Amino acid sequence: MNAILHESYYTIHITPEPECSYVSFETNASLTSYSALVRNVLRVFKPRRFLLTTFGDDEALKALAPSRGRLLLQKHRKNRRV
């Protein structure tokens, strides 16, 4: 599924499999914090594990505090289904 909102695109790809399903979410949205966006995606799909990849120039990557990612991961571990 694809969507466009203003200058940003959003893409979701879902591959359901009996043993191992796969979901990917991609956007080029420029946000000051991605925590809420990632939290919402995790809440919808409830993965056991996830991988987060971020692309950006040096200035954009410096703006993302490393501790934000750790906090998001801690919340995910606390709320996930086992």
Protein backbone atom coordinates (compact mmCIF):
# COMPACT_ATOMS: atom_id res chain seq x y z
CA MET A 1 0.00 0.00 0.00
CA ASN A 2 1.32 3.44 -0.89
CA ALA A 3 0.31 6.90 0.31
CA ILE A 4 1.39 10.47 -0.29
CA LEU A 5 0.83 13.26 2.22
CA HIS A 6 2.15 16.70 1.25
CA GLU A 7 5.81 16.13 0.30
CA SER A 8 6.14 12.72 1.99
CA TYR A 9 5.47 9.17 0.85
CA TYR A 10 4.55 6.17 3.00
CA THR A 11 4.82 2.55 1.84
CA ILE A 12 3.73 -0.63 3.64
CA HIS A 13 4.52 -4.09 2.29
CA ILE A 14 3.10 -7.19 4.00
CA THR A 15 4.05 -10.79 3.22
CA PRO A 16 2.07 -13.18 5.44
CA GLU A 17 3.63 -16.63 5.79
CA PRO A 18 2.67 -19.45 8.18
CA GLU A 19 6.18 -19.74 9.66
CA CYS A 20 7.58 -16.25 9.26
CA SER A 21 5.66 -13.18 8.10
CA TYR A 22 7.38 -10.04 6.89
CA VAL A 23 6.28 -6.40 7.07
CA SER A 24 8.17 -3.35 5.89
CA PHE A 25 7.29 0.30 6.37
CA GLU A 26 9.12 3.08 4.59
CA THR A 27 8.76 6.85 4.51
CA ASN A 28 10.74 9.91 3.57
CA ALA A 29 8.87 12.06 6.11
CA SER A 30 11.12 14.62 7.77
CA LEU A 31 10.26 14.65 11.47
CA THR A 32 12.02 16.07 14.52
CA SER A 33 11.30 12.77 16.32
CA TYR A 34 10.40 9.42 14.82
CA SER A 35 9.47 7.83 18.14
CA ALA A 36 5.70 8.22 17.77
CA LEU A 37 5.75 7.00 14.16
CA VAL A 38 7.81 3.89 14.98
CA ARG A 39 5.75 3.23 18.12
CA ASN A 40 2.54 3.34 16.06
CA VAL A 41 3.91 0.92 13.44
CA LEU A 42 5.02 -1.48 16.20
CA ARG A 43 1.65 -1.21 17.93
CA VAL A 44 -0.20 -2.09 14.72
CA PHE A 45 1.94 -5.07 13.68
CA LYS A 46 3.11 -6.30 17.13
CA PRO A 47 6.33 -7.93 15.93
CA ARG A 48 8.40 -10.22 18.11
CA ARG A 49 11.52 -8.62 16.62
CA PHE A 50 12.15 -5.63 14.43
CA LEU A 51 14.96 -3.89 12.62
CA LEU A 52 15.03 -0.12 12.26
CA THR A 53 17.21 1.39 9.54
CA THR A 54 17.65 5.16 9.28
CA PHE A 55 19.13 7.05 6.34
CA GLY A 56 20.06 10.71 6.42
CA ASP A 57 22.81 13.22 5.93
CA ASP A 58 25.23 13.97 8.78
CA GLU A 59 23.15 16.85 10.13
CA ALA A 60 19.93 14.81 10.22
CA LEU A 61 21.59 11.81 11.89
CA LYS A 62 23.23 14.00 14.56
CA ALA A 63 19.80 15.42 15.41
CA LEU A 64 18.54 11.95 16.36
CA ALA A 65 19.68 11.28 19.92
CA PRO A 66 20.92 7.68 20.37
CA SER A 67 19.06 7.39 23.68
CA ARG A 68 15.69 7.84 21.90
CA GLY A 69 16.20 4.56 20.05
CA ARG A 70 17.08 2.72 23.25
CA LEU A 71 14.02 4.11 25.02
CA LEU A 72 11.77 3.04 22.14
CA LEU A 73 13.25 -0.48 22.20
CA GLN A 74 12.77 -0.75 25.97
CA LYS A 75 9.10 0.20 25.63
CA HIS A 76 8.64 -2.33 22.81
CA ARG A 77 10.16 -5.14 24.87
CA LYS A 78 7.93 -4.25 27.81
CA ASN A 79 4.73 -4.27 25.74
CA ARG A 80 5.30 -7.11 23.27
CA ARG A 81 3.44 -10.39 23.23
CA VAL A 82 5.47 -13.53 23.84
